[in-house]
N, C-alpha and C. Protein backbone atom coordinates (compact mmCIF):
# COMPACT_ATOMS: atom_id res chain seq x y z
N UNK A 1 -7.44 -158.01 72.24
CA UNK A 1 -8.07 -157.40 71.10
C UNK A 1 -9.58 -157.62 71.22
N UNK A 2 -10.32 -156.59 71.07
CA UNK A 2 -11.78 -156.64 71.18
C UNK A 2 -12.35 -156.65 69.76
N UNK A 3 -13.22 -157.66 69.53
CA UNK A 3 -13.87 -157.76 68.23
C UNK A 3 -15.31 -157.29 68.40
N UNK A 4 -15.69 -156.34 67.61
CA UNK A 4 -17.04 -155.80 67.69
C UNK A 4 -17.83 -156.29 66.47
N UNK A 5 -19.01 -156.85 66.75
CA UNK A 5 -19.87 -157.31 65.67
C UNK A 5 -20.90 -156.23 65.37
N UNK A 6 -21.28 -156.20 64.15
CA UNK A 6 -22.35 -155.29 63.77
C UNK A 6 -23.68 -155.88 64.23
N UNK A 7 -24.68 -155.05 64.42
CA UNK A 7 -25.97 -155.51 64.91
C UNK A 7 -26.60 -156.54 63.97
N UNK A 8 -26.49 -156.33 62.71
CA UNK A 8 -27.06 -157.26 61.73
C UNK A 8 -26.41 -158.63 61.81
N UNK A 9 -25.10 -158.67 61.98
CA UNK A 9 -24.38 -159.94 62.07
C UNK A 9 -24.78 -160.68 63.36
N UNK A 10 -24.92 -159.98 64.46
CA UNK A 10 -25.32 -160.60 65.72
C UNK A 10 -26.73 -161.19 65.61
N UNK A 11 -27.62 -160.45 64.98
CA UNK A 11 -28.99 -160.94 64.81
C UNK A 11 -29.02 -162.17 63.92
N UNK A 12 -28.25 -162.16 62.84
CA UNK A 12 -28.21 -163.31 61.93
C UNK A 12 -27.64 -164.53 62.63
N UNK A 13 -26.57 -164.37 63.41
CA UNK A 13 -26.00 -165.51 64.13
C UNK A 13 -26.99 -166.06 65.17
N UNK A 14 -27.73 -165.16 65.83
CA UNK A 14 -28.74 -165.59 66.79
C UNK A 14 -29.82 -166.43 66.11
N UNK A 15 -30.33 -165.92 64.98
CA UNK A 15 -31.38 -166.64 64.25
C UNK A 15 -30.89 -167.97 63.71
N UNK A 16 -29.68 -168.02 63.22
CA UNK A 16 -29.13 -169.27 62.67
C UNK A 16 -28.96 -170.31 63.78
N UNK A 17 -28.43 -169.91 64.92
CA UNK A 17 -28.22 -170.85 66.01
C UNK A 17 -29.54 -171.46 66.49
N UNK A 18 -30.50 -170.61 66.80
CA UNK A 18 -31.78 -171.11 67.29
C UNK A 18 -32.62 -171.71 66.16
N UNK A 19 -32.44 -171.26 64.95
CA UNK A 19 -33.14 -171.85 63.81
C UNK A 19 -32.78 -173.30 63.62
N UNK A 20 -31.48 -173.62 63.72
CA UNK A 20 -31.05 -175.02 63.59
C UNK A 20 -31.61 -175.86 64.74
N UNK A 21 -31.61 -175.31 65.94
CA UNK A 21 -32.15 -176.05 67.09
C UNK A 21 -33.64 -176.33 66.90
N UNK A 22 -34.39 -175.33 66.44
CA UNK A 22 -35.82 -175.53 66.20
C UNK A 22 -36.05 -176.54 65.09
N UNK A 23 -35.25 -176.50 64.05
CA UNK A 23 -35.37 -177.45 62.95
C UNK A 23 -35.13 -178.87 63.43
N UNK A 24 -34.15 -179.09 64.29
CA UNK A 24 -33.86 -180.43 64.82
C UNK A 24 -35.04 -180.92 65.65
N UNK A 25 -35.63 -180.05 66.47
CA UNK A 25 -36.78 -180.43 67.27
C UNK A 25 -37.97 -180.80 66.38
N UNK A 26 -38.23 -180.01 65.35
CA UNK A 26 -39.34 -180.31 64.42
C UNK A 26 -39.12 -181.63 63.70
N UNK A 27 -37.90 -181.92 63.29
CA UNK A 27 -37.60 -183.19 62.62
C UNK A 27 -37.83 -184.36 63.59
N UNK A 28 -37.43 -184.20 64.85
CA UNK A 28 -37.64 -185.26 65.83
C UNK A 28 -39.13 -185.51 66.07
N UNK A 29 -39.91 -184.45 66.19
CA UNK A 29 -41.35 -184.61 66.38
C UNK A 29 -41.99 -185.26 65.15
N UNK A 30 -41.55 -184.85 63.96
CA UNK A 30 -42.06 -185.45 62.72
C UNK A 30 -41.75 -186.93 62.65
N UNK A 31 -40.53 -187.33 63.05
CA UNK A 31 -40.16 -188.74 63.03
C UNK A 31 -41.01 -189.54 64.02
N UNK A 32 -41.24 -188.99 65.21
CA UNK A 32 -42.07 -189.69 66.19
C UNK A 32 -43.51 -189.85 65.69
N UNK A 33 -44.04 -188.83 65.06
CA UNK A 33 -45.39 -188.91 64.51
C UNK A 33 -45.45 -189.90 63.35
N UNK A 34 -44.43 -189.93 62.51
CA UNK A 34 -44.41 -190.82 61.35
C UNK A 34 -44.40 -192.29 61.78
N UNK A 35 -43.64 -192.60 62.82
CA UNK A 35 -43.53 -193.99 63.26
C UNK A 35 -44.61 -194.38 64.27
N UNK A 36 -45.60 -193.52 64.51
CA UNK A 36 -46.76 -193.88 65.31
C UNK A 36 -46.60 -193.72 66.80
N UNK A 37 -45.53 -193.13 67.26
CA UNK A 37 -45.35 -192.95 68.69
C UNK A 37 -46.32 -191.89 69.21
N UNK A 38 -46.58 -190.87 68.41
CA UNK A 38 -47.46 -189.78 68.83
C UNK A 38 -48.84 -189.88 68.17
N UNK A 39 -49.51 -191.02 68.34
CA UNK A 39 -50.84 -191.17 67.79
C UNK A 39 -51.85 -190.58 68.77
N UNK A 40 -52.52 -189.49 68.42
CA UNK A 40 -53.44 -188.84 69.35
C UNK A 40 -54.59 -189.75 69.78
N UNK A 41 -55.07 -190.62 68.90
CA UNK A 41 -56.20 -191.46 69.27
C UNK A 41 -55.85 -192.45 70.38
N UNK A 42 -54.56 -192.77 70.54
CA UNK A 42 -54.15 -193.65 71.65
C UNK A 42 -54.20 -192.92 72.98
N UNK A 43 -54.16 -191.60 72.95
CA UNK A 43 -54.13 -190.82 74.17
C UNK A 43 -55.52 -190.44 74.68
N UNK A 44 -56.56 -190.68 73.86
CA UNK A 44 -57.91 -190.32 74.27
C UNK A 44 -58.39 -191.22 75.41
N UNK A 45 -59.07 -190.66 76.39
CA UNK A 45 -59.60 -191.49 77.47
C UNK A 45 -60.81 -192.28 77.00
N UNK A 46 -61.07 -193.42 77.63
CA UNK A 46 -62.24 -194.21 77.28
C UNK A 46 -63.47 -193.55 77.89
N UNK A 47 -64.56 -193.48 77.10
CA UNK A 47 -65.77 -192.83 77.59
C UNK A 47 -66.98 -193.28 76.78
N UNK A 48 -68.12 -193.13 77.39
CA UNK A 48 -69.41 -193.35 76.73
C UNK A 48 -70.32 -192.23 77.20
N UNK A 49 -70.71 -191.36 76.29
CA UNK A 49 -71.50 -190.17 76.64
C UNK A 49 -72.72 -190.10 75.72
N UNK A 50 -73.87 -189.83 76.32
CA UNK A 50 -75.08 -189.53 75.57
C UNK A 50 -75.46 -188.11 75.95
N UNK A 51 -75.94 -187.33 74.99
CA UNK A 51 -76.26 -185.91 75.21
C UNK A 51 -77.09 -185.73 76.48
N UNK A 52 -76.68 -184.79 77.31
CA UNK A 52 -77.27 -184.64 78.64
C UNK A 52 -78.74 -184.22 78.62
N UNK A 53 -79.17 -183.49 77.64
CA UNK A 53 -80.56 -183.02 77.61
C UNK A 53 -81.57 -184.07 77.23
N UNK A 54 -81.12 -185.24 76.80
CA UNK A 54 -82.05 -186.27 76.32
C UNK A 54 -82.73 -187.03 77.45
N UNK A 55 -82.10 -187.11 78.61
CA UNK A 55 -82.67 -187.89 79.70
C UNK A 55 -82.15 -189.31 79.74
N UNK A 56 -81.38 -189.70 78.72
CA UNK A 56 -80.76 -191.02 78.71
C UNK A 56 -79.30 -190.88 79.11
N UNK A 57 -78.78 -191.90 79.74
CA UNK A 57 -77.41 -191.88 80.25
C UNK A 57 -76.75 -193.20 79.89
N UNK A 58 -75.52 -193.15 79.38
CA UNK A 58 -74.77 -194.37 79.08
C UNK A 58 -74.15 -194.85 80.39
N UNK A 59 -74.79 -195.82 81.01
CA UNK A 59 -74.38 -196.30 82.33
C UNK A 59 -73.12 -197.17 82.25
N UNK A 60 -73.01 -197.99 81.19
CA UNK A 60 -71.86 -198.87 81.03
C UNK A 60 -71.80 -199.31 79.57
N UNK A 61 -70.68 -199.91 79.19
CA UNK A 61 -70.51 -200.40 77.82
C UNK A 61 -69.46 -201.51 77.82
N UNK A 62 -69.50 -202.32 76.78
CA UNK A 62 -68.45 -203.32 76.59
C UNK A 62 -68.34 -203.61 75.10
N UNK A 63 -67.14 -204.01 74.69
CA UNK A 63 -66.86 -204.37 73.31
C UNK A 63 -66.22 -205.75 73.33
N UNK A 64 -66.76 -206.66 72.52
CA UNK A 64 -66.17 -208.00 72.46
C UNK A 64 -65.30 -208.12 71.22
N UNK A 65 -64.42 -209.11 71.22
CA UNK A 65 -63.55 -209.31 70.06
C UNK A 65 -64.31 -209.83 68.85
N UNK A 66 -65.57 -210.24 69.02
CA UNK A 66 -66.38 -210.69 67.88
C UNK A 66 -67.08 -209.53 67.19
N UNK A 67 -66.97 -208.32 67.74
CA UNK A 67 -67.57 -207.14 67.12
C UNK A 67 -68.86 -206.69 67.75
N UNK A 68 -69.29 -207.35 68.84
CA UNK A 68 -70.51 -206.94 69.52
C UNK A 68 -70.20 -205.79 70.49
N UNK A 69 -70.95 -204.71 70.35
CA UNK A 69 -70.83 -203.56 71.25
C UNK A 69 -72.11 -203.52 72.08
N UNK A 70 -71.96 -203.62 73.39
CA UNK A 70 -73.12 -203.58 74.29
C UNK A 70 -73.15 -202.24 75.01
N UNK A 71 -74.27 -201.55 74.88
CA UNK A 71 -74.48 -200.28 75.58
C UNK A 71 -75.55 -200.49 76.63
N UNK A 72 -75.27 -200.09 77.86
CA UNK A 72 -76.27 -200.12 78.93
C UNK A 72 -76.76 -198.69 79.12
N UNK A 73 -78.01 -198.47 78.72
CA UNK A 73 -78.60 -197.14 78.81
C UNK A 73 -79.49 -197.04 80.03
N UNK A 74 -79.40 -195.91 80.71
CA UNK A 74 -80.21 -195.66 81.90
C UNK A 74 -81.17 -194.51 81.61
N UNK A 75 -82.42 -194.67 82.02
CA UNK A 75 -83.43 -193.65 81.86
C UNK A 75 -83.39 -192.73 83.08
N UNK A 76 -83.01 -191.48 82.89
CA UNK A 76 -82.92 -190.52 83.98
C UNK A 76 -84.18 -189.65 84.08
N UNK A 77 -85.17 -189.91 83.23
CA UNK A 77 -86.40 -189.12 83.22
C UNK A 77 -87.37 -189.65 84.27
N UNK A 78 -88.37 -188.85 84.59
CA UNK A 78 -89.40 -189.27 85.55
C UNK A 78 -90.40 -190.23 84.92
N UNK A 79 -90.50 -190.22 83.58
CA UNK A 79 -91.43 -191.10 82.86
C UNK A 79 -90.67 -192.24 82.19
N UNK A 80 -91.38 -193.31 81.87
CA UNK A 80 -90.79 -194.41 81.11
C UNK A 80 -90.54 -193.95 79.67
N UNK A 81 -89.53 -194.54 79.05
CA UNK A 81 -89.26 -194.26 77.64
C UNK A 81 -89.26 -195.57 76.87
N UNK A 82 -89.54 -195.46 75.58
CA UNK A 82 -89.55 -196.60 74.69
C UNK A 82 -88.45 -196.40 73.66
N UNK A 83 -87.38 -197.19 73.74
CA UNK A 83 -86.26 -197.10 72.80
C UNK A 83 -86.58 -197.97 71.59
N UNK A 84 -86.48 -197.38 70.39
CA UNK A 84 -86.82 -198.10 69.17
C UNK A 84 -85.62 -198.38 68.28
N UNK A 85 -84.51 -197.65 68.46
CA UNK A 85 -83.35 -197.85 67.58
C UNK A 85 -82.10 -197.34 68.27
N UNK A 86 -81.01 -198.13 68.15
CA UNK A 86 -79.69 -197.72 68.61
C UNK A 86 -78.74 -197.96 67.45
N UNK A 87 -78.00 -196.93 67.07
CA UNK A 87 -77.12 -196.99 65.90
C UNK A 87 -75.73 -196.53 66.29
N UNK A 88 -74.71 -197.21 65.78
CA UNK A 88 -73.31 -196.80 65.96
C UNK A 88 -72.69 -196.58 64.60
N UNK A 89 -71.89 -195.52 64.47
CA UNK A 89 -71.11 -195.27 63.25
C UNK A 89 -69.65 -195.12 63.70
N UNK A 90 -68.81 -196.04 63.21
CA UNK A 90 -67.39 -196.01 63.56
C UNK A 90 -66.62 -195.60 62.32
N UNK A 91 -66.01 -194.43 62.35
CA UNK A 91 -65.21 -193.87 61.24
C UNK A 91 -65.84 -194.12 59.88
N UNK A 92 -67.07 -193.68 59.76
CA UNK A 92 -67.75 -193.76 58.47
C UNK A 92 -68.46 -195.06 58.20
N UNK A 93 -68.24 -196.09 58.99
CA UNK A 93 -68.89 -197.38 58.77
C UNK A 93 -70.06 -197.52 59.73
N UNK A 94 -71.24 -197.79 59.21
CA UNK A 94 -72.40 -197.99 60.05
C UNK A 94 -72.47 -199.45 60.47
N UNK A 95 -72.64 -199.67 61.74
CA UNK A 95 -72.78 -201.02 62.26
C UNK A 95 -74.24 -201.44 62.11
N UNK A 96 -74.51 -202.72 62.35
CA UNK A 96 -75.87 -203.22 62.30
C UNK A 96 -76.66 -202.58 63.43
N UNK A 97 -77.75 -201.90 63.10
CA UNK A 97 -78.56 -201.21 64.10
C UNK A 97 -79.26 -202.20 65.02
N UNK A 98 -79.45 -201.78 66.26
CA UNK A 98 -80.40 -202.50 67.12
C UNK A 98 -81.74 -201.84 66.88
N UNK A 99 -82.70 -202.64 66.46
CA UNK A 99 -84.06 -202.11 66.28
C UNK A 99 -85.02 -203.01 67.05
N UNK A 100 -86.07 -202.43 67.52
CA UNK A 100 -87.06 -203.17 68.29
C UNK A 100 -87.87 -202.18 69.09
N UNK A 101 -88.35 -202.63 70.23
CA UNK A 101 -89.11 -201.77 71.11
C UNK A 101 -88.87 -202.24 72.54
N UNK A 102 -88.09 -201.46 73.26
CA UNK A 102 -87.79 -201.80 74.65
C UNK A 102 -88.18 -200.63 75.53
N UNK A 103 -89.03 -200.93 76.51
CA UNK A 103 -89.45 -199.89 77.44
C UNK A 103 -88.51 -199.89 78.64
N UNK A 104 -88.03 -198.69 78.99
CA UNK A 104 -87.15 -198.53 80.15
C UNK A 104 -87.89 -197.66 81.16
N UNK A 105 -88.14 -198.22 82.33
CA UNK A 105 -88.84 -197.47 83.37
C UNK A 105 -87.92 -196.37 83.91
N UNK A 106 -88.50 -195.44 84.64
CA UNK A 106 -87.72 -194.37 85.24
C UNK A 106 -86.66 -194.94 86.18
N UNK A 107 -85.45 -194.44 86.06
CA UNK A 107 -84.30 -194.86 86.88
C UNK A 107 -83.92 -196.33 86.70
N UNK A 108 -84.28 -196.92 85.55
CA UNK A 108 -83.93 -198.31 85.24
C UNK A 108 -82.95 -198.33 84.07
N UNK A 109 -82.32 -199.49 83.86
CA UNK A 109 -81.37 -199.64 82.75
C UNK A 109 -81.79 -200.78 81.84
N UNK A 110 -81.27 -200.76 80.63
CA UNK A 110 -81.48 -201.84 79.67
C UNK A 110 -80.26 -201.92 78.76
N UNK A 111 -79.92 -203.14 78.34
CA UNK A 111 -78.76 -203.36 77.48
C UNK A 111 -79.20 -203.45 76.02
N UNK A 112 -78.37 -202.88 75.14
CA UNK A 112 -78.61 -202.90 73.70
C UNK A 112 -77.33 -203.38 73.01
N UNK A 113 -77.44 -204.39 72.16
CA UNK A 113 -76.26 -204.97 71.50
C UNK A 113 -76.28 -204.60 70.02
N UNK A 114 -75.19 -203.98 69.58
CA UNK A 114 -75.01 -203.58 68.18
C UNK A 114 -73.79 -204.34 67.65
N UNK A 115 -73.88 -204.90 66.45
CA UNK A 115 -72.78 -205.68 65.89
C UNK A 115 -72.04 -204.88 64.83
N UNK A 116 -70.72 -204.82 64.98
CA UNK A 116 -69.84 -204.16 64.02
C UNK A 116 -68.84 -205.21 63.53
N UNK A 117 -68.81 -205.46 62.22
CA UNK A 117 -68.03 -206.56 61.68
C UNK A 117 -66.53 -206.30 61.61
N UNK A 118 -66.12 -205.06 61.48
CA UNK A 118 -64.71 -204.80 61.17
C UNK A 118 -63.89 -204.32 62.36
N UNK A 119 -64.22 -204.73 63.57
CA UNK A 119 -63.44 -204.34 64.73
C UNK A 119 -62.20 -205.23 64.85
N UNK A 120 -61.06 -204.60 65.03
CA UNK A 120 -59.79 -205.34 65.14
C UNK A 120 -59.28 -205.21 66.56
N UNK A 121 -58.86 -206.33 67.11
CA UNK A 121 -58.37 -206.35 68.49
C UNK A 121 -57.19 -205.40 68.66
N UNK A 122 -57.23 -204.60 69.73
CA UNK A 122 -56.17 -203.65 70.02
C UNK A 122 -56.39 -202.26 69.46
N UNK A 123 -57.36 -202.10 68.57
CA UNK A 123 -57.63 -200.79 67.98
C UNK A 123 -58.44 -199.93 68.94
N UNK A 124 -58.18 -198.64 68.90
CA UNK A 124 -58.97 -197.66 69.64
C UNK A 124 -60.05 -197.19 68.69
N UNK A 125 -61.31 -197.30 69.10
CA UNK A 125 -62.41 -196.89 68.23
C UNK A 125 -63.09 -195.65 68.80
N UNK A 126 -63.61 -194.83 67.90
CA UNK A 126 -64.39 -193.66 68.26
C UNK A 126 -65.69 -193.77 67.48
N UNK A 127 -66.79 -194.02 68.16
CA UNK A 127 -68.07 -194.26 67.52
C UNK A 127 -69.06 -193.17 67.87
N UNK A 128 -69.86 -192.79 66.89
CA UNK A 128 -70.96 -191.86 67.12
C UNK A 128 -72.21 -192.70 67.42
N UNK A 129 -72.93 -192.34 68.48
CA UNK A 129 -74.11 -193.06 68.90
C UNK A 129 -75.35 -192.25 68.52
N UNK A 130 -76.36 -192.92 67.97
CA UNK A 130 -77.65 -192.30 67.69
C UNK A 130 -78.74 -193.19 68.27
N UNK A 131 -79.60 -192.61 69.10
CA UNK A 131 -80.66 -193.37 69.77
C UNK A 131 -82.00 -192.73 69.44
N UNK A 132 -82.94 -193.56 68.97
CA UNK A 132 -84.31 -193.09 68.72
C UNK A 132 -85.19 -193.61 69.86
N UNK A 133 -85.94 -192.71 70.46
CA UNK A 133 -86.79 -193.10 71.59
C UNK A 133 -87.96 -192.15 71.69
N UNK A 134 -88.88 -192.48 72.57
CA UNK A 134 -90.00 -191.59 72.87
C UNK A 134 -90.49 -191.91 74.27
N UNK A 135 -91.08 -190.91 74.90
CA UNK A 135 -91.78 -191.19 76.14
C UNK A 135 -92.97 -192.05 75.77
N UNK A 136 -93.45 -192.87 76.70
CA UNK A 136 -94.59 -193.72 76.41
C UNK A 136 -95.76 -192.83 76.02
N UNK A 137 -96.34 -193.10 74.85
CA UNK A 137 -97.42 -192.30 74.25
C UNK A 137 -96.99 -190.86 73.98
N UNK A 138 -95.69 -190.65 73.71
CA UNK A 138 -95.18 -189.32 73.40
C UNK A 138 -94.62 -189.26 71.99
N UNK A 139 -94.11 -188.11 71.62
CA UNK A 139 -93.53 -187.90 70.29
C UNK A 139 -92.12 -188.48 70.22
N UNK A 140 -91.71 -188.95 69.03
CA UNK A 140 -90.37 -189.52 68.90
C UNK A 140 -89.28 -188.47 69.05
N UNK A 141 -88.16 -188.89 69.64
CA UNK A 141 -87.01 -188.02 69.85
C UNK A 141 -85.75 -188.79 69.49
N UNK A 142 -84.67 -188.05 69.32
CA UNK A 142 -83.37 -188.69 69.09
C UNK A 142 -82.36 -188.12 70.07
N UNK A 143 -81.42 -188.96 70.42
CA UNK A 143 -80.31 -188.55 71.28
C UNK A 143 -79.03 -188.99 70.61
N UNK A 144 -78.01 -188.19 70.74
CA UNK A 144 -76.72 -188.55 70.15
C UNK A 144 -75.67 -188.62 71.24
N UNK A 145 -74.57 -189.28 70.93
CA UNK A 145 -73.50 -189.41 71.89
C UNK A 145 -72.23 -189.92 71.24
N UNK A 146 -71.31 -190.33 72.07
CA UNK A 146 -70.02 -190.79 71.57
C UNK A 146 -69.46 -191.89 72.48
N UNK A 147 -68.85 -192.88 71.84
CA UNK A 147 -68.19 -193.98 72.54
C UNK A 147 -66.74 -194.02 72.08
N UNK A 148 -65.81 -193.96 73.04
CA UNK A 148 -64.38 -194.07 72.75
C UNK A 148 -63.85 -195.19 73.63
N UNK A 149 -63.32 -196.24 73.03
CA UNK A 149 -62.80 -197.38 73.79
C UNK A 149 -61.81 -198.17 72.96
N UNK A 150 -61.17 -199.14 73.59
CA UNK A 150 -60.23 -200.01 72.93
C UNK A 150 -60.86 -201.39 72.76
N UNK A 151 -60.71 -201.98 71.58
CA UNK A 151 -61.24 -203.32 71.32
C UNK A 151 -60.30 -204.32 72.00
N UNK A 152 -60.85 -205.23 72.82
CA UNK A 152 -59.98 -206.19 73.51
C UNK A 152 -59.33 -207.21 72.58
């Protein structure tokens, strides 16, 4: 005996079968996200970037468990620069600025230490970097960047 289905019934059965499968997949993804397995910030690579047009380059960085963030900035310009301020903002919280006056010769590096009080060991942080500098006897400029790393 041959049973013939109407087109509407076949379409409804198709949608119901795959609809339930899609619903199960969405619930599984939701459960993984709820319990923290799919945290996107854990998947971000570690990096330190300063805007390329500024002439400054983030050569290296380190974060200590006491909240000190050290940035090693390299001057890629042909002239010396005078750095007057380095600022970090981590998820809305401004860290203690480094302020002073440090001259960095062409193709040289210098370390700047910024203190952030609320760093927790094991957390992945995403910080916005703001640097105020000028060429020697030049006009003041700012450079921005980003630091993504894990607190030890």
